[in-house]
């Protein structure tokens, strides 16, 4: 049976994320115990001026940010780039990232963490690098990375 979650209809909890000093709203709507394929899904709203603090993941998962609405500045390892509605950011295993709401409205996103299947001798997920995939109409080259 399909499961359905909504940012508009799900009650969210106020919290701070990863050492941030400003609150966000979030709710974990699915956990590993309820899924065979992922660690969790969070529905998150980052108010204007707030952020998800810089943090580093372990090598056993990737965290995917799907930007639903709003504008922000993403840090993925050493790269900073703007994100907006329709953007998808895949934060690599062992990567460091953060997200700031730089716009005048809420930044709404879905956060999905998935386990890494297999690793290469270098320790990274086979065939996977950190990637920023732009939504339709967003700037970027054929690789999906923002212009420099």
Protein backbone atom coordinates (compact mmCIF):
# COMPACT_ATOMS: atom_id res chain seq x y z
CA UNK A 1 0.00 0.00 0.00
CA UNK A 2 1.27 3.48 -0.86
CA UNK A 3 2.05 5.92 1.92
CA UNK A 4 1.27 9.62 1.55
CA UNK A 5 2.79 12.54 3.45
CA UNK A 6 2.13 16.28 3.12
CA UNK A 7 4.11 19.32 4.29
CA UNK A 8 0.81 21.18 4.52
CA UNK A 9 -1.07 18.60 6.58
CA UNK A 10 1.64 17.03 8.76
CA UNK A 11 2.13 18.59 12.21
CA UNK A 12 5.78 19.64 12.47
CA UNK A 13 7.92 20.06 15.58
CA UNK A 14 10.14 23.07 16.27
CA UNK A 15 13.78 22.12 16.80
CA UNK A 16 17.33 23.19 15.98
CA UNK A 17 19.33 21.04 13.58
CA UNK A 18 22.97 20.09 13.85
CA UNK A 19 24.18 22.89 16.11
CA UNK A 20 22.17 25.69 14.51
CA UNK A 21 21.06 28.51 16.81
CA UNK A 22 17.81 29.20 14.94
CA UNK A 23 14.79 26.89 14.83
CA UNK A 24 13.41 24.85 11.96
CA UNK A 25 10.19 22.82 11.75
CA UNK A 26 10.44 19.13 10.97
CA UNK A 27 8.79 15.74 11.32
CA UNK A 28 10.23 12.30 10.63
CA UNK A 29 7.40 10.65 8.72
CA UNK A 30 9.11 7.35 7.87
CA UNK A 31 11.89 5.41 9.58
CA UNK A 32 14.00 2.39 8.63
CA UNK A 33 11.77 0.09 10.68
CA UNK A 34 8.88 1.06 8.36
CA UNK A 35 10.80 0.73 5.08
CA UNK A 36 12.96 -1.81 3.28
CA UNK A 37 14.85 0.75 1.19
CA UNK A 38 15.65 3.83 3.28
CA UNK A 39 16.75 5.06 6.67
CA UNK A 40 14.22 7.91 6.98
CA UNK A 41 12.15 10.63 5.34
CA UNK A 42 11.81 14.02 7.05
CA UNK A 43 9.45 16.81 6.02
CA UNK A 44 11.21 20.07 6.90
CA UNK A 45 10.52 23.82 6.80
CA UNK A 46 13.43 26.23 7.26
CA UNK A 47 12.07 29.72 8.10
CA UNK A 48 13.70 32.82 6.55
CA UNK A 49 17.09 33.45 8.17
CA UNK A 50 17.27 29.98 9.70
CA UNK A 51 19.40 27.01 8.67
CA UNK A 52 20.33 23.37 9.03
CA UNK A 53 23.78 23.43 10.63
CA UNK A 54 26.92 22.05 9.06
CA UNK A 55 27.31 18.35 9.78
CA UNK A 56 29.14 15.30 8.46
CA UNK A 57 27.56 11.94 7.79
CA UNK A 58 29.08 8.50 8.17
CA UNK A 59 30.14 6.53 5.09
CA UNK A 60 27.15 4.19 5.28
CA UNK A 61 24.46 6.60 3.98
CA UNK A 62 23.58 9.30 1.46
CA UNK A 63 21.24 12.14 2.36
CA UNK A 64 19.08 13.63 -0.38
CA UNK A 65 17.52 17.10 -0.15
CA UNK A 66 14.52 17.72 -2.43
CA UNK A 67 13.73 21.44 -2.41
CA UNK A 68 9.97 21.92 -2.71
CA UNK A 69 9.80 25.72 -2.40
CA UNK A 70 11.88 28.70 -1.33
CA UNK A 71 15.51 29.65 -1.91
CA UNK A 72 18.68 28.81 -0.06
CA UNK A 73 22.44 28.42 -0.02
CA UNK A 74 23.76 24.87 0.12
CA UNK A 75 27.16 23.78 1.35
CA UNK A 76 28.20 20.36 0.04
CA UNK A 77 31.74 19.57 1.15
CA UNK A 78 33.72 22.63 0.02
CA UNK A 79 31.22 23.80 -2.64
CA UNK A 80 28.58 26.47 -2.00
CA UNK A 81 25.69 26.96 -4.44
CA UNK A 82 22.18 28.35 -4.57
CA UNK A 83 19.18 26.04 -4.47
CA UNK A 84 15.51 26.58 -5.17
CA UNK A 85 12.25 24.81 -5.92
CA UNK A 86 12.82 21.71 -8.01
CA UNK A 87 16.47 21.22 -7.04
CA UNK A 88 17.71 17.89 -5.71
CA UNK A 89 21.00 17.64 -3.83
CA UNK A 90 22.57 14.23 -3.19
CA UNK A 91 24.98 14.54 -0.27
CA UNK A 92 27.64 11.87 -0.64
CA UNK A 93 28.48 9.25 1.97
CA UNK A 94 30.88 10.77 4.50
CA UNK A 95 30.13 14.24 3.15
CA UNK A 96 29.74 17.49 5.06
CA UNK A 97 26.79 19.74 4.28
CA UNK A 98 24.54 22.54 5.53
CA UNK A 99 21.59 24.53 4.18
CA UNK A 100 20.66 28.19 4.84
CA UNK A 101 17.35 29.83 3.92
CA UNK A 102 18.47 33.00 2.13
CA UNK A 103 15.05 33.96 0.78
CA UNK A 104 12.11 35.95 2.14
CA UNK A 105 9.80 32.90 2.38
CA UNK A 106 9.95 29.48 3.98
CA UNK A 107 12.32 26.97 2.41
CA UNK A 108 10.42 23.67 2.25
CA UNK A 109 12.22 20.42 1.62
CA UNK A 110 12.00 16.67 1.89
CA UNK A 111 15.08 14.98 3.40
CA UNK A 112 15.62 11.33 2.46
CA UNK A 113 18.44 9.25 3.89
CA UNK A 114 19.28 6.00 2.14
CA UNK A 115 21.81 3.33 3.09
CA UNK A 116 24.82 2.89 0.82
CA UNK A 117 24.79 -0.47 -0.91
CA UNK A 118 28.41 -1.23 -1.79
CA UNK A 119 31.65 0.66 -1.61
CA UNK A 120 34.62 0.74 -3.94
CA UNK A 121 38.21 0.37 -2.71
CA UNK A 122 38.35 4.18 -2.40
CA UNK A 123 35.53 4.04 0.14
CA UNK A 124 32.94 5.91 -1.93
CA UNK A 125 29.68 4.45 -3.14
CA UNK A 126 30.19 2.74 -6.47
CA UNK A 127 29.12 4.94 -9.34
CA UNK A 128 28.00 7.76 -7.04
CA UNK A 129 29.59 11.15 -6.47
CA UNK A 130 28.14 14.14 -4.68
CA UNK A 131 25.75 15.71 -7.13
CA UNK A 132 23.46 18.69 -7.40
CA UNK A 133 20.69 18.09 -9.91
CA UNK A 134 18.78 21.17 -10.99
CA UNK A 135 15.06 21.26 -11.55
CA UNK A 136 13.63 22.25 -14.91
CA UNK A 137 14.65 25.74 -15.91
CA UNK A 138 17.40 26.11 -13.32
CA UNK A 139 20.90 27.15 -14.36
CA UNK A 140 23.57 24.51 -14.72
CA UNK A 141 25.58 22.54 -17.22
CA UNK A 142 24.91 19.05 -18.59
CA UNK A 143 26.37 17.45 -15.45
CA UNK A 144 23.70 19.09 -13.30
CA UNK A 145 26.30 21.15 -11.45
CA UNK A 146 25.89 24.91 -11.13
CA UNK A 147 28.02 27.17 -13.36
CA UNK A 148 31.22 28.43 -11.77
